[in-house]
Amino acid sequence: MPTGGFLGYAPATRGTGNAGANSIFLTSLVAQRSGSAVTLLLDAPSATASTTFKALIYDSAHSVLLASSAQVNAIGANYNRIALTTPLSLVAGTTYYIGYVCSTSLPVTTSASGGPSSWLVSGGQSVASPANPLVGGAINANSLMMALELDGTSAAGFGYSLDQGSGVTLSASNTVATYPGGTTARQGARSVVTKVSGTGKWYAEVIAGGTLNSNVGIGITTANWPTGDAGAGWAGTTAHSYVSFLLPTGTLQGAAGTTALGLTYVSGDVIGVAYDATANLVWFNKNGGSFFGASSTAGNPAAGTGGAAFQGTQWPVTVAGSTGATATAAVLTLRDTAGALQYTPPSGFTVWSPATYPAPAAALRRRVMVVG
């Protein structure tokens, strides 16, 4: 699924919030990149079969209604993808308030600690005609688990999406992400092609290059993982997202903790990432060797053994790289098409992107196709 990328928020500990009937619930979101928002993604712990609901985007003062969806008559458990009636042009660095109005008391996934600020208007609101301007309301401690999907109609269908961290530069048809050094801000980049848990087995490779440190991570994330450090509650690597990152130290970093795999890597190594979306498991290998995920004992993706558990919700999953909390001048090259892979995927696994990589010039082939 090619997209233009995602801007979002995912809590470290999923809780349940509830705005009450005929209420508006909004969470602030700082746009990491400019782009055209086309869809709101919302997480709900359970389905609500009969309701009226509308996704909303307000300005930085949670006052002016900038965009909304058509009226929705049911909300599903976990991942909900709700299209905006008209795309909204986002400006990097600008704060938007993203959320919903609902006619019933709707359980939603929230976080009560460390998240962006929220705004709640309790009762008296209309789903058919949301308030514009929005008057009244109060700060709320809970933050919605959500994301905005950006327009990807011009995307090539492979490589990194254009919602990379502000200090990251993309090159070689957006397959090479070059990270800045000399800053402590977290920076990340992720694939333009996403997968949804439930069906399929997928494989991609990332070449580790440049200057690496113990905080660099290569792996997979959900679409609401922030690619840049945008302030309190936006710790991009682990604290507020579903992630499964292999660090150069051989440690697997997940949202819930770390696992020592012993699979260390240095600049020039090729990290294979195998994601079983049916079983919600992930494995890593180095330079075509054995796969690891759950422990330092080798597993087998083809047999479904030894994989690390990943999120079981229906949020889209991306291949991603991050510098972590201490930035370094890493260079991470994403290979997600058949023509760019160096190693054969595990039996039963399909290359991450079905797109065809273009025939590059000789200089580009040296960058993308050759290690070292």
Protein backbone atom coordinates (compact mmCIF):
# COMPACT_ATOMS: atom_id res chain seq x y z
CA MET A 1 0.00 0.00 0.00
CA PRO A 2 1.91 3.08 -1.17
CA THR A 3 1.08 6.21 0.79
CA GLY A 4 2.60 9.61 1.24
CA GLY A 5 3.50 8.70 4.80
CA PHE A 6 1.87 9.24 8.18
CA LEU A 7 1.90 11.76 11.02
CA GLY A 8 0.64 10.38 14.29
CA TYR A 9 0.79 9.37 17.91
CA ALA A 10 0.80 5.96 19.60
CA PRO A 11 0.84 5.57 23.39
CA ALA A 12 3.35 3.35 25.13
CA THR A 13 0.61 1.93 27.34
CA ARG A 14 -2.75 1.65 25.66
CA GLY A 15 -5.61 2.83 27.84
CA THR A 16 -9.26 3.51 27.14
CA GLY A 17 -10.77 6.97 27.07
CA ASN A 18 -14.30 8.14 26.47
CA ALA A 19 -15.50 11.58 25.43
CA GLY A 20 -19.16 10.93 26.13
CA ALA A 21 -22.14 11.45 23.84
CA ASN A 22 -22.28 14.52 21.57
CA SER A 23 -18.76 15.56 22.57
CA ILE A 24 -15.67 16.65 20.66
CA PHE A 25 -12.30 15.07 21.55
CA LEU A 26 -9.13 16.48 19.93
CA THR A 27 -5.41 15.73 20.37
CA SER A 28 -2.66 18.09 19.19
CA LEU A 29 -0.34 16.95 16.42
CA VAL A 30 2.72 18.81 15.10
CA ALA A 31 3.19 18.21 11.38
CA GLN A 32 6.69 16.84 10.94
CA ARG A 33 6.52 17.39 7.18
CA SER A 34 4.35 19.38 4.81
CA GLY A 35 1.87 17.35 2.80
CA SER A 36 -1.75 16.76 1.92
CA ALA A 37 -3.68 14.88 4.61
CA VAL A 38 -6.34 12.62 3.10
CA THR A 39 -7.33 10.21 5.88
CA LEU A 40 -7.53 10.05 9.67
CA LEU A 41 -6.55 6.79 11.38
CA LEU A 42 -8.09 6.15 14.79
CA ASP A 43 -7.71 3.26 17.25
CA ALA A 44 -10.65 1.90 19.24
CA PRO A 45 -10.45 -0.95 21.78
CA SER A 46 -13.83 -2.35 20.73
CA ALA A 47 -16.39 -2.03 17.95
CA THR A 48 -19.37 0.31 18.20
CA ALA A 49 -21.96 -0.99 15.77
CA SER A 50 -24.48 1.83 15.92
CA THR A 51 -23.34 5.44 16.21
CA THR A 52 -22.82 8.60 14.22
CA PHE A 53 -19.22 9.78 14.06
CA LYS A 54 -17.19 12.35 12.17
CA ALA A 55 -13.42 12.88 12.04
CA LEU A 56 -12.32 16.49 12.62
CA ILE A 57 -9.19 18.63 12.15
CA TYR A 58 -9.01 22.03 13.87
CA ASP A 59 -6.34 24.72 13.86
CA SER A 60 -3.64 25.24 16.52
CA ALA A 61 -6.06 27.14 18.76
CA HIS A 62 -8.57 24.22 18.54
CA SER A 63 -10.94 26.84 17.20
CA VAL A 64 -11.43 26.82 13.42
CA LEU A 65 -12.62 23.62 11.71
CA LEU A 66 -10.18 22.98 8.84
CA ALA A 67 -11.37 19.57 7.60
CA SER A 68 -13.76 16.75 8.41
CA SER A 69 -14.93 13.37 7.15
CA ALA A 70 -18.32 12.27 5.97
CA GLN A 71 -20.57 10.91 8.69
CA VAL A 72 -19.63 7.36 9.74
CA ASN A 73 -22.26 5.05 11.21
CA ALA A 74 -20.06 2.43 12.89
CA ILE A 75 -16.55 2.17 14.40
CA GLY A 76 -14.56 -1.07 14.31
CA ALA A 77 -12.22 -2.53 16.89
CA ASN A 78 -8.58 -1.36 16.58
CA TYR A 79 -7.66 0.34 13.30
CA ASN A 80 -10.20 2.65 11.64
CA ARG A 81 -9.34 4.47 8.41
CA ILE A 82 -11.65 7.46 7.84
CA ALA A 83 -11.27 9.55 4.68
CA LEU A 84 -11.55 13.34 4.80
CA THR A 85 -14.12 14.82 2.44
CA THR A 86 -11.50 17.29 1.17
CA PRO A 87 -7.70 16.83 1.57
CA LEU A 88 -6.05 19.30 3.96
CA SER A 89 -2.70 20.89 3.11
CA LEU A 90 -0.41 20.58 6.16
CA VAL A 91 2.53 22.88 6.87
CA ALA A 92 5.61 21.46 8.59
CA GLY A 93 6.04 22.66 12.16
CA THR A 94 2.40 23.69 12.50
CA THR A 95 0.19 22.31 15.28
CA TYR A 96 -3.20 20.85 14.39
CA TYR A 97 -5.88 19.42 16.68
CA ILE A 98 -7.07 16.06 15.37
CA GLY A 99 -10.01 14.04 16.65
CA TYR A 100 -13.72 13.48 16.35
CA VAL A 101 -17.29 14.25 17.34
CA CYS A 102 -19.62 11.35 18.13
CA SER A 103 -23.30 10.98 18.99
CA THR A 104 -22.67 8.17 21.48
CA SER A 105 -20.26 7.44 24.30
CA LEU A 106 -17.40 5.96 22.23
CA PRO A 107 -14.49 4.01 23.79
CA VAL A 108 -11.21 5.06 22.15
CA THR A 109 -7.56 4.12 22.68
CA THR A 110 -5.72 6.77 24.68
CA SER A 111 -2.66 7.41 26.81
CA ALA A 112 -2.84 9.29 30.10
CA SER A 113 0.90 9.92 30.44
CA GLY A 114 3.48 11.72 28.35
CA GLY A 115 1.29 12.40 25.35
CA PRO A 116 0.44 15.55 23.42
CA SER A 117 -2.16 17.86 24.93
CA SER A 118 -5.83 17.23 24.18
CA TRP A 119 -8.97 19.37 24.16
CA LEU A 120 -12.40 18.10 25.20
CA VAL A 121 -15.80 19.70 24.71
CA SER A 122 -18.23 17.70 26.81
CA GLY A 123 -21.74 17.43 25.38
CA GLY A 124 -23.90 19.74 23.32
CA GLN A 125 -22.11 19.07 20.01
CA SER A 126 -23.59 18.15 16.63
CA VAL A 127 -22.18 15.39 14.42
CA ALA A 128 -24.03 16.70 11.38
CA SER A 129 -22.68 20.26 11.85
CA PRO A 130 -19.55 20.34 14.03
CA ALA A 131 -18.83 23.64 15.75
CA ASN A 132 -16.98 26.22 13.66
CA PRO A 133 -15.59 28.12 15.41
CA LEU A 134 -15.25 25.81 18.39
CA VAL A 135 -16.04 27.71 21.57
CA GLY A 136 -15.45 26.36 25.06
CA GLY A 137 -13.96 23.13 26.24
CA ALA A 138 -11.10 22.16 28.54
CA ILE A 139 -7.67 20.53 28.50
CA ASN A 140 -7.78 16.76 28.83
CA ALA A 141 -4.96 14.52 30.11
CA ASN A 142 -5.66 11.70 27.66
CA SER A 143 -4.14 11.60 24.17
CA LEU A 144 -5.79 9.77 21.27
CA MET A 145 -3.91 6.99 19.47
CA MET A 146 -4.20 8.26 15.91
CA ALA A 147 -2.46 9.31 12.71
CA LEU A 148 -3.02 11.30 9.54
CA GLU A 149 -2.28 9.61 6.22
CA LEU A 150 -0.70 11.81 3.55
CA ASP A 151 -1.48 11.72 -0.16
CA GLY A 152 0.84 9.30 -1.95
CA THR A 153 -0.53 9.44 -5.51
CA SER A 154 2.81 10.65 -6.84
CA ALA A 155 4.85 8.05 -4.93
CA ALA A 156 6.94 5.61 -6.96
CA GLY A 157 5.70 2.65 -4.92
CA PHE A 158 9.03 1.77 -3.33
CA GLY A 159 11.70 3.29 -1.09
CA TYR A 160 11.16 5.75 1.76
CA SER A 161 8.11 7.97 2.15
CA LEU A 162 8.47 11.74 2.16
CA ASP A 163 7.53 12.12 5.83
CA GLN A 164 11.10 11.53 7.01
CA GLY A 165 12.48 13.49 9.97
CA SER A 166 13.30 17.10 9.17
CA GLY A 167 17.05 16.50 9.31
CA VAL A 168 17.03 13.39 7.10
CA THR A 169 17.73 13.70 3.38
CA LEU A 170 16.57 11.15 0.79
CA SER A 171 18.35 10.31 -2.45
CA ALA A 172 18.69 7.58 -5.10
CA SER A 173 14.96 7.51 -5.91
CA ASN A 174 14.22 7.87 -2.17
CA THR A 175 15.94 4.57 -1.31
CA VAL A 176 18.85 6.12 0.62
CA ALA A 177 18.24 7.99 3.90
CA THR A 178 21.15 10.09 5.15
CA TYR A 179 20.86 11.10 8.79
CA PRO A 180 22.34 14.26 10.34
CA GLY A 181 24.99 14.18 13.01
CA GLY A 182 25.58 16.72 15.75
CA THR A 183 22.06 16.84 17.19
CA THR A 184 20.31 14.99 19.97
CA ALA A 185 16.90 15.06 18.28
CA ARG A 186 15.51 11.72 17.18
CA GLN A 187 15.26 11.31 13.42
CA GLY A 188 13.65 8.58 11.34
CA ALA A 189 12.50 7.46 7.91
CA ARG A 190 10.11 4.70 6.83
CA SER A 191 8.89 2.90 3.75
CA VAL A 192 6.25 4.37 1.49
CA VAL A 193 4.71 0.87 1.16
CA THR A 194 2.81 -0.36 4.21
CA LYS A 195 1.42 -3.75 5.25
CA VAL A 196 -1.58 -4.46 7.48
CA SER A 197 -1.53 -7.30 9.99
CA GLY A 198 -3.74 -10.24 9.13
CA THR A 199 -2.51 -11.46 5.75
CA GLY A 200 0.82 -12.04 4.03
CA LYS A 201 4.52 -12.58 4.72
CA TRP A 202 6.91 -9.84 3.68
CA TYR A 203 10.66 -9.28 3.37
CA ALA A 204 12.91 -6.24 2.90
CA GLU A 205 16.57 -5.34 3.44
CA VAL A 206 18.31 -2.29 4.88
CA ILE A 207 22.01 -1.62 4.29
CA ALA A 208 23.63 -0.09 7.37
CA GLY A 209 26.11 2.61 6.42
CA GLY A 210 27.79 5.80 7.56
CA THR A 211 28.53 6.34 11.24
CA LEU A 212 26.58 4.06 13.57
CA ASN A 213 26.13 4.15 17.32
CA SER A 214 24.25 2.01 19.81
CA ASN A 215 21.03 3.98 19.34
CA VAL A 216 20.56 3.37 15.62
CA GLY A 217 17.60 1.10 14.90
CA ILE A 218 16.51 -0.88 11.82
CA GLY A 219 13.17 -2.69 11.71
CA ILE A 220 9.44 -2.12 11.51
CA THR A 221 6.97 0.34 13.07
CA THR A 222 3.30 1.12 12.88
CA ALA A 223 2.10 4.10 10.87
CA ASN A 224 1.66 6.35 13.90
CA TRP A 225 5.36 6.21 14.80
CA PRO A 226 6.71 9.80 14.70
CA THR A 227 9.74 10.12 12.39
CA GLY A 228 10.95 13.27 14.14
CA ASP A 229 11.25 14.46 17.72
CA ALA A 230 8.51 17.06 17.98
CA GLY A 231 8.49 17.75 21.70
CA ALA A 232 7.02 16.19 24.81
CA GLY A 233 5.25 12.91 24.26
CA TRP A 234 6.86 12.26 20.88
CA ALA A 235 9.84 10.04 21.75
CA GLY A 236 10.17 8.51 18.30
CA THR A 237 12.14 5.32 18.91
CA THR A 238 10.34 3.43 21.64
CA ALA A 239 8.39 5.33 24.24
CA HIS A 240 5.19 6.01 22.33
CA SER A 241 4.93 3.56 19.47
CA TYR A 242 4.77 0.00 18.32
CA VAL A 243 8.34 -0.64 17.15
CA SER A 244 10.65 -3.60 16.60
CA PHE A 245 14.16 -2.22 15.99
CA LEU A 246 17.41 -4.16 15.79
CA LEU A 247 20.26 -2.07 17.27
CA PRO A 248 23.94 -2.42 16.22
CA THR A 249 24.64 -3.90 19.67
CA GLY A 250 22.53 -6.93 18.77
CA THR A 251 19.65 -5.86 21.02
CA LEU A 252 16.08 -5.94 19.77
CA GLN A 253 14.18 -2.87 20.96
CA GLY A 254 10.42 -3.29 21.23
CA ALA A 255 7.77 -1.01 22.66
CA ALA A 256 7.60 -3.13 25.81
CA GLY A 257 11.33 -3.70 26.37
CA THR A 258 14.54 -5.16 24.96
CA THR A 259 15.78 -8.64 24.00
CA ALA A 260 19.43 -9.63 23.55
CA LEU A 261 19.68 -11.38 20.17
CA GLY A 262 23.47 -11.23 19.76
CA LEU A 263 22.97 -10.14 16.14
CA THR A 264 25.42 -7.23 16.03
CA TYR A 265 26.09 -5.26 12.86
CA VAL A 266 28.44 -2.58 11.52
CA SER A 267 28.54 -0.24 8.56
CA GLY A 268 28.31 -2.26 5.34
CA ASP A 269 26.16 -5.06 6.73
CA VAL A 270 22.81 -5.91 5.14
CA ILE A 271 19.98 -6.41 7.64
CA GLY A 272 17.10 -8.61 6.46
CA VAL A 273 13.65 -7.93 7.95
CA ALA A 274 10.99 -10.66 7.68
CA TYR A 275 7.47 -9.76 8.82
CA ASP A 276 4.73 -12.39 9.08
CA ALA A 277 1.57 -10.28 9.07
CA THR A 278 -0.65 -13.31 9.68
CA ALA A 279 1.11 -14.42 12.88
CA ASN A 280 2.29 -10.89 13.81
CA LEU A 281 5.93 -11.96 14.13
CA VAL A 282 9.19 -10.40 12.96
CA TRP A 283 12.71 -11.79 12.39
CA PHE A 284 16.07 -10.23 11.52
CA ASN A 285 19.21 -11.58 9.90
CA LYS A 286 22.57 -10.22 8.77
CA ASN A 287 24.17 -10.73 5.37
CA GLY A 288 21.91 -13.63 4.50
CA GLY A 289 22.60 -15.59 7.70
CA SER A 290 20.33 -17.11 10.34
CA PHE A 291 17.20 -15.29 11.49
CA PHE A 292 16.58 -14.17 15.09
CA GLY A 293 13.66 -12.49 16.82
CA ALA A 294 12.46 -13.94 20.11
CA SER A 295 15.88 -14.77 21.58
CA SER A 296 19.54 -15.44 20.79
CA THR A 297 18.48 -18.87 19.51
CA ALA A 298 18.04 -18.86 15.74
CA GLY A 299 14.49 -19.08 14.43
CA ASN A 300 12.98 -20.00 11.09
CA PRO A 301 10.54 -17.58 9.40
CA ALA A 302 9.46 -20.24 6.89
CA ALA A 303 8.41 -22.51 9.78
CA GLY A 304 7.08 -19.64 11.90
CA THR A 305 9.46 -20.34 14.79
CA GLY A 306 11.53 -17.99 16.92
CA GLY A 307 9.95 -14.72 15.78
CA ALA A 308 9.47 -11.65 17.96
CA ALA A 309 5.85 -10.75 18.66
CA PHE A 310 4.72 -7.51 17.07
CA GLN A 311 1.50 -5.51 17.41
CA GLY A 312 -1.65 -7.48 16.70
CA THR A 313 -3.87 -4.54 15.77
CA GLN A 314 -4.66 -3.63 12.19
CA TRP A 315 -2.45 -0.55 11.99
CA PRO A 316 -0.35 -0.31 8.80
CA VAL A 317 3.25 -1.45 9.26
CA THR A 318 6.31 0.19 7.68
CA VAL A 319 10.00 -0.69 7.33
CA ALA A 320 11.85 2.01 9.26
CA GLY A 321 15.19 3.29 10.50
CA SER A 322 16.00 5.66 13.35
CA THR A 323 19.00 7.30 14.97
CA GLY A 324 17.41 7.05 18.42
CA ALA A 325 17.94 9.67 21.11
CA THR A 326 21.58 10.40 20.23
CA ALA A 327 21.87 11.33 16.59
CA THR A 328 24.65 10.10 14.34
CA ALA A 329 25.51 10.43 10.66
CA ALA A 330 24.08 7.07 9.64
CA VAL A 331 23.15 6.18 6.06
CA LEU A 332 20.40 3.55 5.74
CA THR A 333 19.58 2.18 2.28
CA LEU A 334 16.19 0.51 1.88
CA ARG A 335 15.85 -2.40 -0.52
CA ASP A 336 12.21 -3.33 -0.82
CA THR A 337 11.84 -4.45 -4.45
CA ALA A 338 12.83 -7.71 -6.12
CA GLY A 339 15.36 -5.98 -8.36
CA ALA A 340 17.19 -4.42 -5.41
CA LEU A 341 17.38 -7.36 -2.95
CA GLN A 342 20.80 -8.89 -2.36
CA TYR A 343 19.50 -12.03 -0.65
CA THR A 344 16.60 -14.40 -1.28
CA PRO A 345 13.58 -13.96 1.03
CA PRO A 346 12.69 -16.86 3.35
CA SER A 347 10.45 -19.51 1.80
CA GLY A 348 6.87 -18.27 1.67
CA PHE A 349 7.84 -14.59 2.03
CA THR A 350 7.28 -11.96 -0.67
CA VAL A 351 9.31 -8.84 -1.37
CA TRP A 352 7.92 -5.84 0.55
CA SER A 353 7.13 -3.68 -2.49
CA PRO A 354 5.67 -5.10 -5.71
CA ALA A 355 6.90 -2.05 -7.62
CA THR A 356 9.72 -2.37 -10.13
CA TYR A 357 12.88 -0.49 -9.28
CA PRO A 358 14.01 1.64 -12.28
CA ALA A 359 17.20 0.80 -14.12
CA PRO A 360 19.63 3.29 -12.54
CA ALA A 361 22.74 4.87 -13.94
CA ALA A 362 26.08 3.26 -13.06
CA ALA A 363 26.79 5.71 -10.23
CA LEU A 364 23.36 5.05 -8.74
CA ARG A 365 23.83 1.27 -9.01
CA ARG A 366 27.00 1.57 -6.96
CA ARG A 367 25.05 3.33 -4.24
CA VAL A 368 21.97 1.21 -4.15
CA MET A 369 22.93 -2.22 -5.42
CA VAL A 370 26.45 -2.77 -4.10
CA VAL A 371 27.59 -3.10 -0.48
CA GLY A 372 30.86 -1.46 0.38
